[in-house]
PDB file of N, CA and C in Angstrom:
ATOM      1  N   MET A   1      -5.653   9.235  21.652  1.00  0.00           N
ATOM      2  CA  MET A   1      -4.266   8.840  21.674  1.00  0.00           C
ATOM      3  C   MET A   1      -4.041   7.607  20.787  1.00  0.00           C
ATOM      4  N   ARG A   2      -5.003   6.686  20.792  1.00  0.00           N
ATOM      5  CA  ARG A   2      -4.868   5.492  19.968  1.00  0.00           C
ATOM      6  C   ARG A   2      -4.845   5.852  18.489  1.00  0.00           C
ATOM      7  N   ASP A   3      -5.678   6.814  18.095  1.00  0.00           N
ATOM      8  CA  ASP A   3      -5.689   7.240  16.695  1.00  0.00           C
ATOM      9  C   ASP A   3      -4.357   7.866  16.296  1.00  0.00           C
ATOM     10  N   PHE A   4      -3.797   8.676  17.181  1.00  0.00           N
ATOM     11  CA  PHE A   4      -2.497   9.290  16.888  1.00  0.00           C
ATOM     12  C   PHE A   4      -1.426   8.216  16.689  1.00  0.00           C
ATOM     13  N   LEU A   5      -1.397   7.218  17.556  1.00  0.00           N
ATOM     14  CA  LEU A   5      -0.411   6.151  17.416  1.00  0.00           C
ATOM     15  C   LEU A   5      -0.616   5.361  16.128  1.00  0.00           C
ATOM     16  N   TYR A   6      -1.881   5.152  15.759  1.00  0.00           N
ATOM     17  CA  TYR A   6      -2.197   4.426  14.522  1.00  0.00           C
ATOM     18  C   TYR A   6      -1.670   5.174  13.307  1.00  0.00           C
ATOM     19  N   TYR A   7      -2.000   6.456  13.207  1.00  0.00           N
ATOM     20  CA  TYR A   7      -1.575   7.231  12.044  1.00  0.00           C
ATOM     21  C   TYR A   7      -0.071   7.468  12.050  1.00  0.00           C
ATOM     22  N   ALA A   8       0.515   7.685  13.207  1.00  0.00           N
ATOM     23  CA  ALA A   8       1.961   7.874  13.286  1.00  0.00           C
ATOM     24  C   ALA A   8       2.700   6.603  12.877  1.00  0.00           C
ATOM     25  N   SER A   9       2.207   5.445  13.310  1.00  0.00           N
ATOM     26  CA  SER A   9       2.859   4.195  12.919  1.00  0.00           C
ATOM     27  C   SER A   9       2.722   3.934  11.429  1.00  0.00           C
ATOM     28  N   LEU A  10       1.579   4.295  10.833  1.00  0.00           N
ATOM     29  CA  LEU A  10       1.436   4.138   9.382  1.00  0.00           C
ATOM     30  C   LEU A  10       2.398   5.058   8.636  1.00  0.00           C
ATOM     31  N   LEU A  11       2.563   6.275   9.111  1.00  0.00           N
ATOM     32  CA  LEU A  11       3.499   7.193   8.456  1.00  0.00           C
ATOM     33  C   LEU A  11       4.938   6.719   8.613  1.00  0.00           C
ATOM     34  N   LEU A  12       5.307   6.227   9.789  1.00  0.00           N
ATOM     35  CA  LEU A  12       6.661   5.716   9.982  1.00  0.00           C
ATOM     36  C   LEU A  12       6.913   4.474   9.129  1.00  0.00           C
ATOM     37  N   LEU A  13       5.938   3.609   9.043  1.00  0.00           N
ATOM     38  CA  LEU A  13       6.075   2.430   8.203  1.00  0.00           C
ATOM     39  C   LEU A  13       6.192   2.823   6.730  1.00  0.00           C
ATOM     40  N   GLY A  14       5.434   3.820   6.318  1.00  0.00           N
ATOM     41  CA  GLY A  14       5.538   4.314   4.947  1.00  0.00           C
ATOM     42  C   GLY A  14       6.908   4.906   4.657  1.00  0.00           C
ATOM     43  N   PHE A  15       7.472   5.618   5.607  1.00  0.00           N
ATOM     44  CA  PHE A  15       8.818   6.185   5.428  1.00  0.00           C
ATOM     45  C   PHE A  15       9.856   5.073   5.336  1.00  0.00           C
ATOM     46  N   ALA A  16       9.728   4.053   6.173  1.00  0.00           N
ATOM     47  CA  ALA A  16      10.664   2.924   6.120  1.00  0.00           C
ATOM     48  C   ALA A  16      10.541   2.192   4.783  1.00  0.00           C
ATOM     49  N   TRP A  17       9.320   2.027   4.277  1.00  0.00           N
ATOM     50  CA  TRP A  17       9.087   1.382   2.981  1.00  0.00           C
ATOM     51  C   TRP A  17       9.728   2.190   1.858  1.00  0.00           C
ATOM     52  N   TYR A  18       9.607   3.520   1.936  1.00  0.00           N
ATOM     53  CA  TYR A  18      10.215   4.403   0.940  1.00  0.00           C
ATOM     54  C   TYR A  18      11.736   4.281   0.966  1.00  0.00           C
ATOM     55  N   MET A  19      12.319   4.278   2.165  1.00  0.00           N
ATOM     56  CA  MET A  19      13.775   4.179   2.279  1.00  0.00           C
ATOM     57  C   MET A  19      14.277   2.817   1.780  1.00  0.00           C
ATOM     58  N   PHE A  20      13.523   1.751   2.022  1.00  0.00           N
ATOM     59  CA  PHE A  20      13.887   0.434   1.514  1.00  0.00           C
ATOM     60  C   PHE A  20      13.902   0.433  -0.015  1.00  0.00           C
ATOM     61  N   GLY A  21      12.893   1.037  -0.621  1.00  0.00           N
ATOM     62  CA  GLY A  21      12.850   1.121  -2.081  1.00  0.00           C
ATOM     63  C   GLY A  21      13.991   1.943  -2.644  1.00  0.00           C
ATOM     64  N   GLN A  22      14.324   3.037  -1.973  1.00  0.00           N
ATOM     65  CA  GLN A  22      15.433   3.861  -2.438  1.00  0.00           C
ATOM     66  C   GLN A  22      16.763   3.115  -2.324  1.00  0.00           C
ATOM     67  N   LYS A  23      16.904   2.304  -1.280  1.00  0.00           N
ATOM     68  CA  LYS A  23      18.123   1.509  -1.121  1.00  0.00           C
ATOM     69  C   LYS A  23      18.254   0.501  -2.257  1.00  0.00           C
ATOM     70  N   LEU A  24      17.138  -0.118  -2.644  1.00  0.00           N
ATOM     71  CA  LEU A  24      17.173  -1.052  -3.769  1.00  0.00           C
ATOM     72  C   LEU A  24      17.492  -0.343  -5.079  1.00  0.00           C
ATOM     73  N   LEU A  25      16.965   0.869  -5.264  1.00  0.00           N
ATOM     74  CA  LEU A  25      17.226   1.594  -6.502  1.00  0.00           C
ATOM     75  C   LEU A  25      18.673   2.080  -6.592  1.00  0.00           C
ATOM     76  N   ARG A  26      19.313   2.342  -5.451  1.00  0.00           N
ATOM     77  CA  ARG A  26      20.701   2.806  -5.457  1.00  0.00           C
ATOM     78  C   ARG A  26      21.690   1.685  -5.769  1.00  0.00           C
ATOM     79  N   LYS A  27      21.271   0.438  -5.584  1.00  0.00           N
ATOM     80  CA  LYS A  27      22.164  -0.674  -5.901  1.00  0.00           C
ATOM     81  C   LYS A  27      22.404  -0.714  -7.399  1.00  0.00           C
ATOM     82  N   GLY A  28      23.506  -1.301  -7.779  1.00  0.00           N
ATOM     83  CA  GLY A  28      23.816  -1.449  -9.198  1.00  0.00           C
ATOM     84  C   GLY A  28      23.041  -2.605  -9.796  1.00  0.00           C
ATOM     85  N   LEU A  29      23.485  -3.019 -10.980  1.00  0.00           N
ATOM     86  CA  LEU A  29      22.839  -4.146 -11.628  1.00  0.00           C
ATOM     87  C   LEU A  29      23.073  -5.441 -10.862  1.00  0.00           C
ATOM     88  N   ARG A  30      24.201  -5.533 -10.163  1.00  0.00           N
ATOM     89  CA  ARG A  30      24.529  -6.747  -9.413  1.00  0.00           C
ATOM     90  C   ARG A  30      24.838  -6.377  -7.973  1.00  0.00           C
ATOM     91  N   ASP A  31      24.508  -7.304  -7.068  1.00  0.00           N
ATOM     92  CA  ASP A  31      24.774  -7.051  -5.653  1.00  0.00           C
ATOM     93  C   ASP A  31      26.172  -7.548  -5.278  1.00  0.00           C
ATOM     94  N   GLU A  32      26.461  -7.598  -3.976  1.00  0.00           N
ATOM     95  CA  GLU A  32      27.798  -7.971  -3.525  1.00  0.00           C
ATOM     96  C   GLU A  32      28.149  -9.429  -3.805  1.00  0.00           C
ATOM     97  N   ASN A  33      27.190 -10.296  -4.052  1.00  0.00           N
ATOM     98  CA  ASN A  33      27.433 -11.712  -4.377  1.00  0.00           C
ATOM     99  C   ASN A  33      27.417 -11.965  -5.880  1.00  0.00           C
ATOM    100  N   ASP A  34      27.488 -10.929  -6.679  1.00  0.00           N
ATOM    101  CA  ASP A  34      27.465 -10.994  -8.139  1.00  0.00           C
ATOM    102  C   ASP A  34      26.174 -11.610  -8.673  1.00  0.00           C
ATOM    103  N   GLN A  35      25.069 -11.431  -7.947  1.00  0.00           N
ATOM    104  CA  GLN A  35      23.749 -11.844  -8.398  1.00  0.00           C
ATOM    105  C   GLN A  35      23.006 -10.612  -8.902  1.00  0.00           C
ATOM    106  N   LEU A  36      22.111 -10.817  -9.843  1.00  0.00           N
ATOM    107  CA  LEU A  36      21.312  -9.690 -10.319  1.00  0.00           C
ATOM    108  C   LEU A  36      20.468  -9.133  -9.178  1.00  0.00           C
ATOM    109  N   THR A  37      20.367  -7.827  -9.111  1.00  0.00           N
ATOM    110  CA  THR A  37      19.558  -7.191  -8.077  1.00  0.00           C
ATOM    111  C   THR A  37      18.095  -7.519  -8.323  1.00  0.00           C
ATOM    112  N   LYS A  38      17.420  -7.979  -7.283  1.00  0.00           N
ATOM    113  CA  LYS A  38      16.010  -8.356  -7.414  1.00  0.00           C
ATOM    114  C   LYS A  38      15.132  -7.216  -6.942  1.00  0.00           C
ATOM    115  N   GLY A  39      13.964  -7.117  -7.538  1.00  0.00           N
ATOM    116  CA  GLY A  39      12.997  -6.109  -7.142  1.00  0.00           C
ATOM    117  C   GLY A  39      12.286  -6.497  -5.865  1.00  0.00           C
ATOM    118  N   VAL A  40      11.325  -5.694  -5.476  1.00  0.00           N
ATOM    119  CA  VAL A  40      10.560  -5.961  -4.266  1.00  0.00           C
ATOM    120  C   VAL A  40       9.722  -7.221  -4.426  1.00  0.00           C
ATOM    121  N   VAL A  41       9.130  -7.407  -5.591  1.00  0.00           N
ATOM    122  CA  VAL A  41       8.299  -8.580  -5.864  1.00  0.00           C
ATOM    123  C   VAL A  41       8.780  -9.242  -7.147  1.00  0.00           C
ATOM    124  N   GLY A  42       8.453 -10.519  -7.300  1.00  0.00           N
ATOM    125  CA  GLY A  42       8.765 -11.255  -8.518  1.00  0.00           C
ATOM    126  C   GLY A  42       7.631 -11.108  -9.520  1.00  0.00           C
ATOM    127  N   PRO A  43       7.667 -11.861 -10.608  1.00  0.00           N
ATOM    128  CA  PRO A  43       6.632 -11.728 -11.634  1.00  0.00           C
ATOM    129  C   PRO A  43       5.227 -12.075 -11.144  1.00  0.00           C
ATOM    130  N   VAL A  44       5.080 -13.164 -10.393  1.00  0.00           N
ATOM    131  CA  VAL A  44       3.753 -13.532  -9.891  1.00  0.00           C
ATOM    132  C   VAL A  44       3.312 -12.543  -8.816  1.00  0.00           C
ATOM    133  N   GLY A  45       4.229 -12.178  -7.942  1.00  0.00           N
ATOM    134  CA  GLY A  45       3.923 -11.176  -6.922  1.00  0.00           C
ATOM    135  C   GLY A  45       3.580  -9.834  -7.526  1.00  0.00           C
ATOM    136  N   PHE A  46       4.217  -9.519  -8.659  1.00  0.00           N
ATOM    137  CA  PHE A  46       3.910  -8.267  -9.348  1.00  0.00           C
ATOM    138  C   PHE A  46       2.462  -8.254  -9.816  1.00  0.00           C
ATOM    139  N   LEU A  47       2.023  -9.356 -10.412  1.00  0.00           N
ATOM    140  CA  LEU A  47       0.636  -9.426 -10.875  1.00  0.00           C
ATOM    141  C   LEU A  47      -0.346  -9.398  -9.705  1.00  0.00           C
ATOM    142  N   MET A  48      -0.002 -10.095  -8.625  1.00  0.00           N
ATOM    143  CA  MET A  48      -0.880 -10.090  -7.461  1.00  0.00           C
ATOM    144  C   MET A  48      -0.945  -8.707  -6.822  1.00  0.00           C
ATOM    145  N   ALA A  49       0.199  -8.039  -6.693  1.00  0.00           N
ATOM    146  CA  ALA A  49       0.218  -6.698  -6.107  1.00  0.00           C
ATOM    147  C   ALA A  49      -0.548  -5.712  -6.985  1.00  0.00           C
ATOM    148  N   ALA A  50      -0.425  -5.857  -8.300  1.00  0.00           N
ATOM    149  CA  ALA A  50      -1.165  -4.980  -9.209  1.00  0.00           C
ATOM    150  C   ALA A  50      -2.668  -5.214  -9.068  1.00  0.00           C
ATOM    151  N   GLY A  51      -3.083  -6.473  -8.998  1.00  0.00           N
ATOM    152  CA  GLY A  51      -4.506  -6.778  -8.839  1.00  0.00           C
ATOM    153  C   GLY A  51      -5.062  -6.280  -7.516  1.00  0.00           C
ATOM    154  N   ILE A  52      -4.326  -6.493  -6.432  1.00  0.00           N
ATOM    155  CA  ILE A  52      -4.791  -6.041  -5.119  1.00  0.00           C
ATOM    156  C   ILE A  52      -4.847  -4.524  -5.055  1.00  0.00           C
ATOM    157  N   SER A  53      -3.842  -3.855  -5.618  1.00  0.00           N
ATOM    158  CA  SER A  53      -3.863  -2.391  -5.580  1.00  0.00           C
ATOM    159  C   SER A  53      -5.004  -1.824  -6.432  1.00  0.00           C
ATOM    160  N   CYS A  54      -5.295  -2.436  -7.564  1.00  0.00           N
ATOM    161  CA  CYS A  54      -6.435  -1.984  -8.371  1.00  0.00           C
ATOM    162  C   CYS A  54      -7.750  -2.195  -7.629  1.00  0.00           C
ATOM    163  N   TYR A  55      -7.888  -3.336  -6.969  1.00  0.00           N
ATOM    164  CA  TYR A  55      -9.095  -3.620  -6.194  1.00  0.00           C
ATOM    165  C   TYR A  55      -9.269  -2.608  -5.057  1.00  0.00           C
ATOM    166  N   LEU A  56      -8.192  -2.338  -4.329  1.00  0.00           N
ATOM    167  CA  LEU A  56      -8.274  -1.371  -3.230  1.00  0.00           C
ATOM    168  C   LEU A  56      -8.517   0.049  -3.737  1.00  0.00           C
ATOM    169  N   PHE A  57      -7.911   0.401  -4.876  1.00  0.00           N
ATOM    170  CA  PHE A  57      -8.138   1.736  -5.439  1.00  0.00           C
ATOM    171  C   PHE A  57      -9.596   1.897  -5.859  1.00  0.00           C
ATOM    172  N   PHE A  58     -10.145   0.862  -6.485  1.00  0.00           N
ATOM    173  CA  PHE A  58     -11.559   0.915  -6.851  1.00  0.00           C
ATOM    174  C   PHE A  58     -12.441   1.005  -5.608  1.00  0.00           C
ATOM    175  N   GLY A  59     -12.113   0.246  -4.570  1.00  0.00           N
ATOM    176  CA  GLY A  59     -12.877   0.304  -3.324  1.00  0.00           C
ATOM    177  C   GLY A  59     -12.785   1.671  -2.663  1.00  0.00           C
ATOM    178  N   MET A  60     -11.612   2.295  -2.737  1.00  0.00           N
ATOM    179  CA  MET A  60     -11.451   3.628  -2.165  1.00  0.00           C
ATOM    180  C   MET A  60     -12.288   4.664  -2.931  1.00  0.00           C
ATOM    181  N   LEU A  61     -12.233   4.604  -4.252  1.00  0.00           N
ATOM    182  CA  LEU A  61     -13.040   5.535  -5.050  1.00  0.00           C
ATOM    183  C   LEU A  61     -14.532   5.302  -4.816  1.00  0.00           C
ATOM    184  N   ARG A  62     -14.922   4.051  -4.717  1.00  0.00           N
ATOM    185  CA  ARG A  62     -16.321   3.723  -4.447  1.00  0.00           C
ATOM    186  C   ARG A  62     -16.748   4.261  -3.090  1.00  0.00           C
ATOM    187  N   ALA A  63     -15.875   4.136  -2.094  1.00  0.00           N
ATOM    188  CA  ALA A  63     -16.195   4.649  -0.759  1.00  0.00           C
ATOM    189  C   ALA A  63     -16.338   6.159  -0.767  1.00  0.00           C
ATOM    190  N   LEU A  64     -15.500   6.843  -1.509  1.00  0.00           N
ATOM    191  CA  LEU A  64     -15.589   8.304  -1.568  1.00  0.00           C
ATOM    192  C   LEU A  64     -16.844   8.771  -2.296  1.00  0.00           C
ATOM    193  N   VAL A  65     -17.241   8.046  -3.337  1.00  0.00           N
ATOM    194  CA  VAL A  65     -18.429   8.441  -4.095  1.00  0.00           C
ATOM    195  C   VAL A  65     -19.703   8.120  -3.325  1.00  0.00           C
ATOM    196  N   ARG A  66     -19.782   6.928  -2.756  1.00  0.00           N
ATOM    197  CA  ARG A  66     -21.006   6.497  -2.069  1.00  0.00           C
ATOM    198  C   ARG A  66     -21.092   6.972  -0.625  1.00  0.00           C
ATOM    199  N   GLY A  67     -19.968   7.316  -0.022  1.00  0.00           N
ATOM    200  CA  GLY A  67     -19.978   7.761   1.371  1.00  0.00           C
ATOM    201  C   GLY A  67     -20.111   6.632   2.371  1.00  0.00           C
ATOM    202  N   GLU A  68     -19.767   5.416   1.953  1.00  0.00           N
ATOM    203  CA  GLU A  68     -19.796   4.282   2.864  1.00  0.00           C
ATOM    204  C   GLU A  68     -18.675   3.326   2.493  1.00  0.00           C
ATOM    205  N   VAL A  69     -18.118   2.697   3.518  1.00  0.00           N
ATOM    206  CA  VAL A  69     -17.001   1.782   3.314  1.00  0.00           C
ATOM    207  C   VAL A  69     -17.202   0.568   4.215  1.00  0.00           C
ATOM    208  N   PRO A  70     -16.946  -0.635   3.689  1.00  0.00           N
ATOM    209  CA  PRO A  70     -17.030  -1.804   4.570  1.00  0.00           C
ATOM    210  C   PRO A  70     -15.830  -1.840   5.509  1.00  0.00           C
ATOM    211  N   CYS A  71     -16.017  -2.413   6.668  1.00  0.00           N
ATOM    212  CA  CYS A  71     -14.943  -2.516   7.648  1.00  0.00           C
ATOM    213  C   CYS A  71     -13.850  -3.434   7.109  1.00  0.00           C
ATOM    214  N   LEU A  72     -12.605  -3.077   7.367  1.00  0.00           N
ATOM    215  CA  LEU A  72     -11.471  -3.835   6.857  1.00  0.00           C
ATOM    216  C   LEU A  72     -10.768  -4.612   7.961  1.00  0.00           C
ATOM    217  N   GLY A  73     -11.493  -5.350   8.731  1.00  0.00           N
ATOM    218  CA  GLY A  73     -10.875  -6.106   9.808  1.00  0.00           C
ATOM    219  C   GLY A  73     -11.601  -7.404  10.085  1.00  0.00           C
ATOM    220  N   LYS A  74     -10.971  -8.253  10.919  1.00  0.00           N
ATOM    221  CA  LYS A  74     -11.579  -9.540  11.253  1.00  0.00           C
ATOM    222  C   LYS A  74     -12.716  -9.375  12.258  1.00  0.00           C
ATOM    223  N   GLY A  75     -12.586  -8.427  13.160  1.00  0.00           N
ATOM    224  CA  GLY A  75     -13.568  -8.292  14.228  1.00  0.00           C
ATOM    225  C   GLY A  75     -14.863  -7.626  13.825  1.00  0.00           C
ATOM    226  N   CYS A  76     -14.911  -7.035  12.653  1.00  0.00           N
ATOM    227  CA  CYS A  76     -16.115  -6.298  12.256  1.00  0.00           C
ATOM    228  C   CYS A  76     -16.564  -6.704  10.855  1.00  0.00           C
ATOM    229  N   THR A  77     -16.502  -7.957  10.548  1.00  0.00           N
ATOM    230  CA  THR A  77     -16.877  -8.451   9.226  1.00  0.00           C
ATOM    231  C   THR A  77     -18.343  -8.135   8.928  1.00  0.00           C
ATOM    232  N   GLY A  78     -18.586  -7.583   7.765  1.00  0.00           N
ATOM    233  CA  GLY A  78     -19.945  -7.279   7.342  1.00  0.00           C
ATOM    234  C   GLY A  78     -20.452  -5.919   7.789  1.00  0.00           C
ATOM    235  N   GLN A  79     -19.693  -5.218   8.608  1.00  0.00           N
ATOM    236  CA  GLN A  79     -20.133  -3.910   9.088  1.00  0.00           C
ATOM    237  C   GLN A  79     -19.772  -2.850   8.055  1.00  0.00           C
ATOM    238  N   ILE A  80     -20.664  -1.880   7.882  1.00  0.00           N
ATOM    239  CA  ILE A  80     -20.445  -0.806   6.926  1.00  0.00           C
ATOM    240  C   ILE A  80     -20.429   0.515   7.681  1.00  0.00           C
ATOM    241  N   TYR A  81     -19.371   1.292   7.463  1.00  0.00           N
ATOM    242  CA  TYR A  81     -19.263   2.616   8.066  1.00  0.00           C
ATOM    243  C   TYR A  81     -19.701   3.653   7.054  1.00  0.00           C
ATOM    244  N   THR A  82     -20.607   4.528   7.464  1.00  0.00           N
ATOM    245  CA  THR A  82     -21.040   5.609   6.589  1.00  0.00           C
ATOM    246  C   THR A  82     -20.384   6.896   7.045  1.00  0.00           C
ATOM    247  N   LEU A  83     -20.244   7.813   6.112  1.00  0.00           N
ATOM    248  CA  LEU A  83     -19.606   9.089   6.419  1.00  0.00           C
ATOM    249  C   LEU A  83     -20.452   9.903   7.380  1.00  0.00           C
ATOM    250  N   ALA A  84     -21.763   9.801   7.276  1.00  0.00           N
ATOM    251  CA  ALA A  84     -22.650  10.589   8.133  1.00  0.00           C
ATOM    252  C   ALA A  84     -22.688  10.055   9.562  1.00  0.00           C
ATOM    253  N   ALA A  85     -22.725   8.742   9.733  1.00  0.00           N
ATOM    254  CA  ALA A  85     -22.893   8.167  11.065  1.00  0.00           C
ATOM    255  C   ALA A  85     -21.565   7.891  11.770  1.00  0.00           C
ATOM    256  N   ASN A  86     -20.537   7.472  11.035  1.00  0.00           N
ATOM    257  CA  ASN A  86     -19.246   7.102  11.622  1.00  0.00           C
ATOM    258  C   ASN A  86     -18.099   7.765  10.866  1.00  0.00           C
ATOM    259  N   PRO A  87     -17.923   9.070  10.975  1.00  0.00           N
ATOM    260  CA  PRO A  87     -16.883   9.713  10.168  1.00  0.00           C
ATOM    261  C   PRO A  87     -15.465   9.279  10.535  1.00  0.00           C
ATOM    262  N   GLY A  88     -15.190   9.038  11.822  1.00  0.00           N
ATOM    263  CA  GLY A  88     -13.843   8.637  12.220  1.00  0.00           C
ATOM    264  C   GLY A  88     -13.446   7.292  11.647  1.00  0.00           C
ATOM    265  N   GLU A  89     -14.318   6.312  11.783  1.00  0.00           N
ATOM    266  CA  GLU A  89     -14.037   4.982  11.253  1.00  0.00           C
ATOM    267  C   GLU A  89     -14.018   4.978   9.732  1.00  0.00           C
ATOM    268  N   PHE A  90     -14.895   5.791   9.120  1.00  0.00           N
ATOM    269  CA  PHE A  90     -14.926   5.899   7.661  1.00  0.00           C
ATOM    270  C   PHE A  90     -13.580   6.381   7.136  1.00  0.00           C
ATOM    271  N   TRP A  91     -13.078   7.510   7.683  1.00  0.00           N
ATOM    272  CA  TRP A  91     -11.825   8.071   7.196  1.00  0.00           C
ATOM    273  C   TRP A  91     -10.630   7.193   7.555  1.00  0.00           C
ATOM    274  N   ALA A  92     -10.697   6.472   8.674  1.00  0.00           N
ATOM    275  CA  ALA A  92      -9.615   5.550   9.025  1.00  0.00           C
ATOM    276  C   ALA A  92      -9.510   4.432   7.993  1.00  0.00           C
ATOM    277  N   ASN A  93     -10.626   3.880   7.570  1.00  0.00           N
ATOM    278  CA  ASN A  93     -10.609   2.816   6.565  1.00  0.00           C
ATOM    279  C   ASN A  93     -10.206   3.341   5.192  1.00  0.00           C
ATOM    280  N   VAL A  94     -10.672   4.532   4.829  1.00  0.00           N
ATOM    281  CA  VAL A  94     -10.293   5.116   3.543  1.00  0.00           C
ATOM    282  C   VAL A  94      -8.797   5.437   3.533  1.00  0.00           C
ATOM    283  N   PHE A  95      -8.292   5.988   4.650  1.00  0.00           N
ATOM    284  CA  PHE A  95      -6.865   6.294   4.727  1.00  0.00           C
ATOM    285  C   PHE A  95      -6.039   5.012   4.641  1.00  0.00           C
ATOM    286  N   PHE A  96      -6.489   3.932   5.292  1.00  0.00           N
ATOM    287  CA  PHE A  96      -5.763   2.668   5.219  1.00  0.00           C
ATOM    288  C   PHE A  96      -5.733   2.145   3.790  1.00  0.00           C
ATOM    289  N   MET A  97      -6.864   2.226   3.076  1.00  0.00           N
ATOM    290  CA  MET A  97      -6.883   1.771   1.687  1.00  0.00           C
ATOM    291  C   MET A  97      -5.955   2.623   0.826  1.00  0.00           C
ATOM    292  N   ALA A  98      -5.958   3.936   1.043  1.00  0.00           N
ATOM    293  CA  ALA A  98      -5.076   4.814   0.272  1.00  0.00           C
ATOM    294  C   ALA A  98      -3.613   4.498   0.566  1.00  0.00           C
ATOM    295  N   TRP A  99      -3.302   4.216   1.835  1.00  0.00           N
ATOM    296  CA  TRP A  99      -1.933   3.887   2.197  1.00  0.00           C
ATOM    297  C   TRP A  99      -1.499   2.582   1.554  1.00  0.00           C
ATOM    298  N   MET A 100      -2.376   1.594   1.545  1.00  0.00           N
ATOM    299  CA  MET A 100      -2.042   0.312   0.923  1.00  0.00           C
ATOM    300  C   MET A 100      -1.849   0.458  -0.587  1.00  0.00           C
ATOM    301  N   VAL A 101      -2.686   1.266  -1.230  1.00  0.00           N
ATOM    302  CA  VAL A 101      -2.541   1.498  -2.664  1.00  0.00           C
ATOM    303  C   VAL A 101      -1.207   2.185  -2.939  1.00  0.00           C
ATOM    304  N   ALA A 102      -0.853   3.182  -2.148  1.00  0.00           N
ATOM    305  CA  ALA A 102       0.411   3.888  -2.349  1.00  0.00           C
ATOM    306  C   ALA A 102       1.601   2.967  -2.112  1.00  0.00           C
ATOM    307  N   ALA A 103       1.546   2.134  -1.079  1.00  0.00           N
ATOM    308  CA  ALA A 103       2.658   1.226  -0.785  1.00  0.00           C
ATOM    309  C   ALA A 103       2.830   0.188  -1.890  1.00  0.00           C
ATOM    310  N   LEU A 104       1.735  -0.392  -2.351  1.00  0.00           N
ATOM    311  CA  LEU A 104       1.829  -1.385  -3.419  1.00  0.00           C
ATOM    312  C   LEU A 104       2.254  -0.751  -4.740  1.00  0.00           C
ATOM    313  N   ALA A 105       1.759   0.446  -5.018  1.00  0.00           N
ATOM    314  CA  ALA A 105       2.162   1.138  -6.246  1.00  0.00           C
ATOM    315  C   ALA A 105       3.650   1.471  -6.212  1.00  0.00           C
ATOM    316  N   TYR A 106       4.161   1.849  -5.045  1.00  0.00           N
ATOM    317  CA  TYR A 106       5.591   2.139  -4.937  1.00  0.00           C
ATOM    318  C   TYR A 106       6.412   0.863  -5.125  1.00  0.00           C
ATOM    319  N   ALA A 107       5.942  -0.259  -4.584  1.00  0.00           N
ATOM    320  CA  ALA A 107       6.644  -1.529  -4.783  1.00  0.00           C
ATOM    321  C   ALA A 107       6.667  -1.897  -6.266  1.00  0.00           C
ATOM    322  N   LEU A 108       5.570  -1.669  -6.959  1.00  0.00           N
ATOM    323  CA  LEU A 108       5.517  -1.949  -8.392  1.00  0.00           C
ATOM    324  C   LEU A 108       6.448  -1.022  -9.166  1.00  0.00           C
ATOM    325  N   TYR A 109       6.491   0.243  -8.771  1.00  0.00           N
ATOM    326  CA  TYR A 109       7.372   1.214  -9.420  1.00  0.00           C
ATOM    327  C   TYR A 109       8.840   0.815  -9.252  1.00  0.00           C
ATOM    328  N   VAL A 110       9.231   0.475  -8.029  1.00  0.00           N
ATOM    329  CA  VAL A 110      10.622   0.087  -7.772  1.00  0.00           C
ATOM    330  C   VAL A 110      10.970  -1.167  -8.559  1.00  0.00           C
ATOM    331  N   THR A 111      10.068  -2.126  -8.586  1.00  0.00           N
ATOM    332  CA  THR A 111      10.322  -3.365  -9.311  1.00  0.00           C
ATOM    333  C   THR A 111      10.479  -3.092 -10.809  1.00  0.00           C
ATOM    334  N   LEU A 112       9.617  -2.271 -11.377  1.00  0.00           N
ATOM    335  CA  LEU A 112       9.736  -1.948 -12.804  1.00  0.00           C
ATOM    336  C   LEU A 112      11.027  -1.199 -13.114  1.00  0.00           C
ATOM    337  N   ARG A 113      11.422  -0.291 -12.245  1.00  0.00           N
ATOM    338  CA  ARG A 113      12.674   0.438 -12.455  1.00  0.00           C
ATOM    339  C   ARG A 113      13.872  -0.503 -12.424  1.00  0.00           C
ATOM    340  N   ILE A 114      13.834  -1.500 -11.543  1.00  0.00           N
ATOM    341  CA  ILE A 114      14.938  -2.453 -11.470  1.00  0.00           C
ATOM    342  C   ILE A 114      14.935  -3.376 -12.684  1.00  0.00           C
ATOM    343  N   TRP A 115      13.776  -3.822 -13.109  1.00  0.00           N
ATOM    344  CA  TRP A 115      13.695  -4.725 -14.250  1.00  0.00           C
ATOM    345  C   TRP A 115      14.134  -4.071 -15.539  1.00  0.00           C
ATOM    346  N   PHE A 116      13.852  -2.786 -15.713  1.00  0.00           N
ATOM    347  CA  PHE A 116      14.136  -2.119 -16.995  1.00  0.00           C
ATOM    348  C   PHE A 116      15.313  -1.167 -16.915  1.00  0.00           C
ATOM    349  N   ARG A 117      16.315  -1.534 -16.124  1.00  0.00           N
ATOM    350  CA  ARG A 117      17.544  -0.726 -16.100  1.00  0.00           C
ATOM    351  C   ARG A 117      18.294  -0.904 -17.398  1.00  0.00           C
ATOM    352  N   ALA A 118      18.982   0.150 -17.783  1.00  0.00           N
ATOM    353  CA  ALA A 118      19.736   0.092 -19.040  1.00  0.00           C
ATOM    354  C   ALA A 118      21.105  -0.509 -18.839  1.00  0.00           C
TER     355      ALA A 118
END
């Protein structure tokens, strides 16, 4: 039951993130206060989000190739989950990394679309 709630909450959060991005894209060049519409992240945040998403994407690909992933939490620092010994925890960490990469990539996409409007 805990796993179902975890994955369901990630999917709901992803849907809310998608709807937030679509709301920003539907706005015009200026908002109701006559200010330019801002993206999800600024220039420094854009570089940080790009770096973090590249790092997580590389970690996800590495985990899929090697069949092992380090734990992504405070309570299990230094622990490594292997696909053979811990398949549930392995796929949970890989799915979390994939979700984070998708969320950050979508934030970067929305920001670029807002910055380069005609």
